[in-house]
Amino acid sequence: MIKLFSVKEKQKQEAASANGKGVKQSAGEIRLQKDISELNLSKGMSIKFPEGKDKLLIFEITMKPDEGIYRGGCFTFSFNISTAYPHDAPKVKCKTKVFHPNIDLDGNICLNILREDWKPVLSINSVIYGLQFLFLDPNPDDPLNKEAAEMQTNSPRQFEAQVQASILRGCSINGHYFPPCRA
């Protein structure tokens, strides 16, 4: 479990740093603080705040799967959270170029809870679990990378070999270079 700031402590700090200007947090920022304080990151996962821990709306999660065909890889996802969170879904992109049927070459992710199935009751933990599941069980039936989906469906052994080759030493697949991303 990760402990960053309690909601009240964070509000006190912001009020003190505002020198009496009365900085007010949005409901989305308060909810995000709660979600982050309750994160349950599994082994091989970490969180980073590139703009500082006081800028919670932008952060990165790094995953290192230890099972499935993506085991041994290291994948970083950027999260951009709207102040309308949790009514708006987080904007999540994969910063690591990966040969995956549900992640395109620009890092866009096909995960239903990031689109049409998002509900305010879901949390950052829900998104992280969804991302972990994509690495354990890629879904070729709902692809963003059609070439990866076709290979996974038609030649599963070749798909697994290409994924492992791209993770371990980097390789070109269908004219696109995937740099190594081993943990």
C-alpha atoms as a PDB file:
ATOM      1  CA  MET A   1       0.000   0.000   0.000  1.00  0.00           C
ATOM      2  CA  ILE A   2       1.320   3.421  -0.922  1.00  0.00           C
ATOM      3  CA  LYS A   3       1.015   6.357   1.480  1.00  0.00           C
ATOM      4  CA  LEU A   4       1.526   9.820   0.039  1.00  0.00           C
ATOM      5  CA  PHE A   5      -0.623  12.417   1.746  1.00  0.00           C
ATOM      6  CA  SER A   6      -3.861  12.297   3.624  1.00  0.00           C
ATOM      7  CA  VAL A   7      -6.492  14.580   2.157  1.00  0.00           C
ATOM      8  CA  LYS A   8      -6.497  16.928   5.142  1.00  0.00           C
ATOM      9  CA  GLU A   9      -2.707  17.142   5.346  1.00  0.00           C
ATOM     10  CA  LYS A  10      -2.518  17.930   1.635  1.00  0.00           C
ATOM     11  CA  GLN A  11      -5.139  20.663   1.977  1.00  0.00           C
ATOM     12  CA  LYS A  12      -3.264  22.214   4.926  1.00  0.00           C
ATOM     13  CA  GLN A  13      -0.009  22.231   2.966  1.00  0.00           C
ATOM     14  CA  GLU A  14      -1.612  23.856  -0.054  1.00  0.00           C
ATOM     15  CA  ALA A  15      -3.336  26.474   2.080  1.00  0.00           C
ATOM     16  CA  ALA A  16      -0.048  27.296   3.815  1.00  0.00           C
ATOM     17  CA  SER A  17       1.859  27.573   0.533  1.00  0.00           C
ATOM     18  CA  ALA A  18      -0.807  29.816  -0.984  1.00  0.00           C
ATOM     19  CA  ASN A  19      -0.050  32.482   1.649  1.00  0.00           C
ATOM     20  CA  GLY A  20      -3.693  33.003   2.466  1.00  0.00           C
ATOM     21  CA  LYS A  21      -4.898  32.966  -1.147  1.00  0.00           C
ATOM     22  CA  GLY A  22      -7.304  30.124  -0.265  1.00  0.00           C
ATOM     23  CA  VAL A  23      -6.368  27.502  -2.848  1.00  0.00           C
ATOM     24  CA  LYS A  24      -9.331  25.207  -3.279  1.00  0.00           C
ATOM     25  CA  GLN A  25      -9.054  21.693  -4.636  1.00  0.00           C
ATOM     26  CA  SER A  26     -11.525  20.261  -7.094  1.00  0.00           C
ATOM     27  CA  ALA A  27     -13.588  17.240  -6.112  1.00  0.00           C
ATOM     28  CA  GLY A  28     -11.592  15.301  -8.711  1.00  0.00           C
ATOM     29  CA  GLU A  29      -8.286  16.163  -7.039  1.00  0.00           C
ATOM     30  CA  ILE A  30      -9.630  15.100  -3.652  1.00  0.00           C
ATOM     31  CA  ARG A  31     -10.908  11.821  -5.087  1.00  0.00           C
ATOM     32  CA  LEU A  32      -7.583  11.233  -6.863  1.00  0.00           C
ATOM     33  CA  GLN A  33      -5.681  11.756  -3.598  1.00  0.00           C
ATOM     34  CA  LYS A  34      -7.878   9.103  -2.004  1.00  0.00           C
ATOM     35  CA  ASP A  35      -7.331   6.709  -4.924  1.00  0.00           C
ATOM     36  CA  ILE A  36      -3.561   7.178  -4.843  1.00  0.00           C
ATOM     37  CA  SER A  37      -3.387   6.736  -1.073  1.00  0.00           C
ATOM     38  CA  GLU A  38      -5.268   3.435  -1.490  1.00  0.00           C
ATOM     39  CA  LEU A  39      -3.155   2.134  -4.389  1.00  0.00           C
ATOM     40  CA  ASN A  40      -2.175  -1.468  -3.993  1.00  0.00           C
ATOM     41  CA  LEU A  41       0.773  -1.795  -6.354  1.00  0.00           C
ATOM     42  CA  SER A  42       1.953  -5.354  -6.759  1.00  0.00           C
ATOM     43  CA  LYS A  43       5.564  -6.477  -6.898  1.00  0.00           C
ATOM     44  CA  GLY A  44       7.310  -5.062  -9.946  1.00  0.00           C
ATOM     45  CA  MET A  45       5.124  -1.941 -10.108  1.00  0.00           C
ATOM     46  CA  SER A  46       5.974   1.625  -9.202  1.00  0.00           C
ATOM     47  CA  ILE A  47       4.495   5.102  -9.409  1.00  0.00           C
ATOM     48  CA  LYS A  48       6.326   8.297 -10.306  1.00  0.00           C
ATOM     49  CA  PHE A  49       5.219  11.936 -10.336  1.00  0.00           C
ATOM     50  CA  PRO A  50       7.314  13.609 -13.071  1.00  0.00           C
ATOM     51  CA  GLU A  51       6.096  17.102 -12.135  1.00  0.00           C
ATOM     52  CA  GLY A  52       6.460  16.541  -8.375  1.00  0.00           C
ATOM     53  CA  LYS A  53       4.303  14.890  -5.740  1.00  0.00           C
ATOM     54  CA  ASP A  54       2.161  18.013  -5.405  1.00  0.00           C
ATOM     55  CA  LYS A  55       0.995  17.620  -9.041  1.00  0.00           C
ATOM     56  CA  LEU A  56      -1.111  14.478  -8.645  1.00  0.00           C
ATOM     57  CA  LEU A  57      -3.052  14.869 -11.902  1.00  0.00           C
ATOM     58  CA  ILE A  58      -0.060  13.664 -13.939  1.00  0.00           C
ATOM     59  CA  PHE A  59       1.799  10.497 -13.019  1.00  0.00           C
ATOM     60  CA  GLU A  60       3.370   7.367 -14.455  1.00  0.00           C
ATOM     61  CA  ILE A  61       2.957   3.735 -13.537  1.00  0.00           C
ATOM     62  CA  THR A  62       5.679   1.249 -14.457  1.00  0.00           C
ATOM     63  CA  MET A  63       4.816  -2.455 -14.705  1.00  0.00           C
ATOM     64  CA  LYS A  64       7.149  -5.420 -14.896  1.00  0.00           C
ATOM     65  CA  PRO A  65       5.003  -8.503 -15.576  1.00  0.00           C
ATOM     66  CA  ASP A  66       6.375 -11.675 -14.000  1.00  0.00           C
ATOM     67  CA  GLU A  67       4.073 -14.053 -15.849  1.00  0.00           C
ATOM     68  CA  GLY A  68       2.507 -14.404 -19.281  1.00  0.00           C
ATOM     69  CA  ILE A  69       4.146 -13.756 -22.624  1.00  0.00           C
ATOM     70  CA  TYR A  70       5.140 -10.201 -21.645  1.00  0.00           C
ATOM     71  CA  ARG A  71       7.106 -11.392 -18.585  1.00  0.00           C
ATOM     72  CA  GLY A  72      10.519  -9.819 -18.295  1.00  0.00           C
ATOM     73  CA  GLY A  73       9.390  -6.566 -19.919  1.00  0.00           C
ATOM     74  CA  CYS A  74       9.194  -3.120 -18.383  1.00  0.00           C
ATOM     75  CA  PHE A  75       6.265  -0.957 -19.511  1.00  0.00           C
ATOM     76  CA  THR A  76       5.523   2.625 -18.512  1.00  0.00           C
ATOM     77  CA  PHE A  77       2.091   4.229 -18.708  1.00  0.00           C
ATOM     78  CA  SER A  78       1.361   7.937 -18.423  1.00  0.00           C
ATOM     79  CA  PHE A  79      -1.815   8.984 -16.632  1.00  0.00           C
ATOM     80  CA  ASN A  80      -3.382  12.400 -17.180  1.00  0.00           C
ATOM     81  CA  ILE A  81      -6.331  13.015 -14.920  1.00  0.00           C
ATOM     82  CA  SER A  82      -8.960  15.669 -15.530  1.00  0.00           C
ATOM     83  CA  THR A  83     -10.222  17.820 -12.664  1.00  0.00           C
ATOM     84  CA  ALA A  84     -13.623  16.309 -13.551  1.00  0.00           C
ATOM     85  CA  TYR A  85     -12.352  12.899 -12.389  1.00  0.00           C
ATOM     86  CA  PRO A  86     -14.008  10.499 -11.533  1.00  0.00           C
ATOM     87  CA  HIS A  87     -16.751  11.565 -13.947  1.00  0.00           C
ATOM     88  CA  ASP A  88     -14.184  11.613 -16.763  1.00  0.00           C
ATOM     89  CA  ALA A  89     -12.002   8.559 -17.319  1.00  0.00           C
ATOM     90  CA  PRO A  90      -8.242   8.947 -16.926  1.00  0.00           C
ATOM     91  CA  LYS A  91      -6.287   9.498 -20.143  1.00  0.00           C
ATOM     92  CA  VAL A  92      -3.729   6.688 -20.219  1.00  0.00           C
ATOM     93  CA  LYS A  93      -1.009   6.061 -22.810  1.00  0.00           C
ATOM     94  CA  CYS A  94       1.698   3.446 -23.033  1.00  0.00           C
ATOM     95  CA  LYS A  95       5.059   5.218 -23.273  1.00  0.00           C
ATOM     96  CA  THR A  96       6.874   1.970 -24.101  1.00  0.00           C
ATOM     97  CA  LYS A  97       6.637   0.862 -27.724  1.00  0.00           C
ATOM     98  CA  VAL A  98       5.280  -2.669 -27.506  1.00  0.00           C
ATOM     99  CA  PHE A  99       3.998  -5.294 -29.959  1.00  0.00           C
ATOM    100  CA  HIS A 100       0.550  -5.856 -28.465  1.00  0.00           C
ATOM    101  CA  PRO A 101      -2.872  -6.308 -30.089  1.00  0.00           C
ATOM    102  CA  ASN A 102      -4.518  -3.830 -27.692  1.00  0.00           C
ATOM    103  CA  ILE A 103      -1.835  -1.105 -27.798  1.00  0.00           C
ATOM    104  CA  ASP A 104      -1.106   0.744 -31.028  1.00  0.00           C
ATOM    105  CA  LEU A 105       2.221   2.162 -32.175  1.00  0.00           C
ATOM    106  CA  ASP A 106       1.332   5.585 -30.713  1.00  0.00           C
ATOM    107  CA  GLY A 107       0.688   4.131 -27.247  1.00  0.00           C
ATOM    108  CA  ASN A 108      -3.101   4.307 -27.377  1.00  0.00           C
ATOM    109  CA  ILE A 109      -4.719   1.558 -25.325  1.00  0.00           C
ATOM    110  CA  CYS A 110      -7.844  -0.421 -26.097  1.00  0.00           C
ATOM    111  CA  LEU A 111      -9.290  -1.044 -22.647  1.00  0.00           C
ATOM    112  CA  ASN A 112     -13.052  -0.762 -22.282  1.00  0.00           C
ATOM    113  CA  ILE A 113     -12.943   0.905 -18.845  1.00  0.00           C
ATOM    114  CA  LEU A 114     -10.934   3.756 -20.344  1.00  0.00           C
ATOM    115  CA  ARG A 115     -13.717   4.382 -22.861  1.00  0.00           C
ATOM    116  CA  GLU A 116     -17.361   3.387 -22.948  1.00  0.00           C
ATOM    117  CA  ASP A 117     -17.402   1.287 -19.751  1.00  0.00           C
ATOM    118  CA  TRP A 118     -15.906   3.955 -17.472  1.00  0.00           C
ATOM    119  CA  LYS A 119     -18.028   4.688 -14.406  1.00  0.00           C
ATOM    120  CA  PRO A 120     -17.243   7.091 -11.543  1.00  0.00           C
ATOM    121  CA  VAL A 121     -17.253   4.161  -9.108  1.00  0.00           C
ATOM    122  CA  LEU A 122     -14.075   2.848 -10.796  1.00  0.00           C
ATOM    123  CA  SER A 123     -10.673   3.935  -9.493  1.00  0.00           C
ATOM    124  CA  ILE A 124      -7.039   4.170 -10.542  1.00  0.00           C
ATOM    125  CA  ASN A 125      -6.621   0.677  -9.057  1.00  0.00           C
ATOM    126  CA  SER A 126      -9.294  -0.566 -11.504  1.00  0.00           C
ATOM    127  CA  VAL A 127      -7.341   0.862 -14.439  1.00  0.00           C
ATOM    128  CA  ILE A 128      -4.084  -0.689 -13.211  1.00  0.00           C
ATOM    129  CA  TYR A 129      -5.754  -4.093 -12.846  1.00  0.00           C
ATOM    130  CA  GLY A 130      -7.113  -3.714 -16.389  1.00  0.00           C
ATOM    131  CA  LEU A 131      -3.642  -2.912 -17.740  1.00  0.00           C
ATOM    132  CA  GLN A 132      -2.157  -5.900 -15.899  1.00  0.00           C
ATOM    133  CA  PHE A 133      -4.847  -8.122 -17.417  1.00  0.00           C
ATOM    134  CA  LEU A 134      -3.996  -6.904 -20.934  1.00  0.00           C
ATOM    135  CA  PHE A 135      -0.449  -8.210 -20.421  1.00  0.00           C
ATOM    136  CA  LEU A 136      -1.656 -11.523 -19.007  1.00  0.00           C
ATOM    137  CA  ASP A 137      -4.353 -12.109 -21.617  1.00  0.00           C
ATOM    138  CA  PRO A 138      -4.093  -9.900 -24.737  1.00  0.00           C
ATOM    139  CA  ASN A 139      -7.414  -9.683 -26.573  1.00  0.00           C
ATOM    140  CA  PRO A 140      -7.085 -10.128 -30.361  1.00  0.00           C
ATOM    141  CA  ASP A 141     -10.871  -9.690 -30.759  1.00  0.00           C
ATOM    142  CA  ASP A 142     -10.748  -5.952 -29.930  1.00  0.00           C
ATOM    143  CA  PRO A 143      -7.453  -4.799 -31.476  1.00  0.00           C
ATOM    144  CA  LEU A 144      -5.790  -1.455 -31.996  1.00  0.00           C
ATOM    145  CA  ASN A 145      -2.779  -3.166 -33.569  1.00  0.00           C
ATOM    146  CA  LYS A 146      -4.405  -5.385 -36.195  1.00  0.00           C
ATOM    147  CA  GLU A 147      -1.087  -6.960 -37.287  1.00  0.00           C
ATOM    148  CA  ALA A 148      -0.380  -8.144 -33.735  1.00  0.00           C
ATOM    149  CA  ALA A 149      -3.947  -9.416 -33.369  1.00  0.00           C
ATOM    150  CA  GLU A 150      -3.773 -11.375 -36.635  1.00  0.00           C
ATOM    151  CA  MET A 151      -0.444 -12.938 -35.673  1.00  0.00           C
ATOM    152  CA  GLN A 152      -1.738 -13.835 -32.206  1.00  0.00           C
ATOM    153  CA  THR A 153      -4.822 -15.480 -33.721  1.00  0.00           C
ATOM    154  CA  ASN A 154      -3.225 -17.196 -36.722  1.00  0.00           C
ATOM    155  CA  SER A 155       0.273 -18.016 -35.408  1.00  0.00           C
ATOM    156  CA  PRO A 156       0.276 -17.927 -31.588  1.00  0.00           C
ATOM    157  CA  ARG A 157       3.776 -19.418 -31.295  1.00  0.00           C
ATOM    158  CA  GLN A 158       5.232 -16.895 -33.731  1.00  0.00           C
ATOM    159  CA  PHE A 159       3.432 -14.103 -31.854  1.00  0.00           C
ATOM    160  CA  GLU A 160       4.919 -15.216 -28.532  1.00  0.00           C
ATOM    161  CA  ALA A 161       8.390 -15.538 -30.069  1.00  0.00           C
ATOM    162  CA  GLN A 162       8.161 -12.031 -31.580  1.00  0.00           C
ATOM    163  CA  VAL A 163       6.968 -10.529 -28.283  1.00  0.00           C
ATOM    164  CA  GLN A 164       9.826 -12.148 -26.354  1.00  0.00           C
ATOM    165  CA  ALA A 165      12.385 -11.135 -28.999  1.00  0.00           C
ATOM    166  CA  SER A 166      11.190  -7.527 -28.895  1.00  0.00           C
ATOM    167  CA  ILE A 167      11.334  -7.423 -25.090  1.00  0.00           C
ATOM    168  CA  LEU A 168      14.731  -9.057 -24.703  1.00  0.00           C
ATOM    169  CA  ARG A 169      16.801  -7.671 -27.553  1.00  0.00           C
ATOM    170  CA  GLY A 170      14.541  -5.473 -29.644  1.00  0.00           C
ATOM    171  CA  CYS A 171      13.499  -6.349 -33.170  1.00  0.00           C
ATOM    172  CA  SER A 172      11.614  -5.213 -36.237  1.00  0.00           C
ATOM    173  CA  ILE A 173       8.154  -6.638 -36.793  1.00  0.00           C
ATOM    174  CA  ASN A 174       6.317  -5.823 -40.013  1.00  0.00           C
ATOM    175  CA  GLY A 175       8.619  -2.854 -40.654  1.00  0.00           C
ATOM    176  CA  HIS A 176       8.311  -1.334 -37.161  1.00  0.00           C
ATOM    177  CA  TYR A 177      11.226  -1.412 -34.747  1.00  0.00           C
ATOM    178  CA  PHE A 178      10.438  -2.294 -31.134  1.00  0.00           C
ATOM    179  CA  PRO A 179      13.366  -1.381 -28.848  1.00  0.00           C
ATOM    180  CA  PRO A 180      14.204  -3.767 -25.998  1.00  0.00           C
ATOM    181  CA  CYS A 181      12.222  -3.100 -22.838  1.00  0.00           C
ATOM    182  CA  ARG A 182      13.435  -5.768 -20.457  1.00  0.00           C
ATOM    183  CA  ALA A 183      13.176  -5.224 -16.755  1.00  0.00           C
END
